[in-house]
Amino acid sequence: MSAITAIQLFVFLLAGFVGFQTISRIPPLLHTPLMAATNAISGISLVASLVLAGGHHGTFATVLGTIAVACATTNIVGGFLITDRMLAMFRKTENTKNTAGSK
């Protein structure tokens, strides 16, 4: 294992640890804004995976880039669907607008 690979593995493990510690300490009230922020981060990773998939760095890099594109796309779409569903819980419906005074 080269020194660069060891450093990259260390950074990856450190980022995973910091991400887990950050997410586990978020109160439920902030989950919707956090989902919106993670969707933006997934968009950045989608761009990076597109660059990797089409960069002609070898067959292995192209396969990994294609898998990364599929995973990032799934993450973005799922994140937006979940965020929309969470925000729908706070929308007022037509039935609840004038139920108190209408007789």
Foldseek 3Di string as FASTA:
>chain_A
DDPVVVVVVVVVVVVVVVVVVVVVPDDPVCPLVVLVVVLVVLVVQLVVLVCQLPVPPDDVSVVVSVVSNVVSVVSNVVSVVVSVVVVVVVDDDPVPPPPPPDD
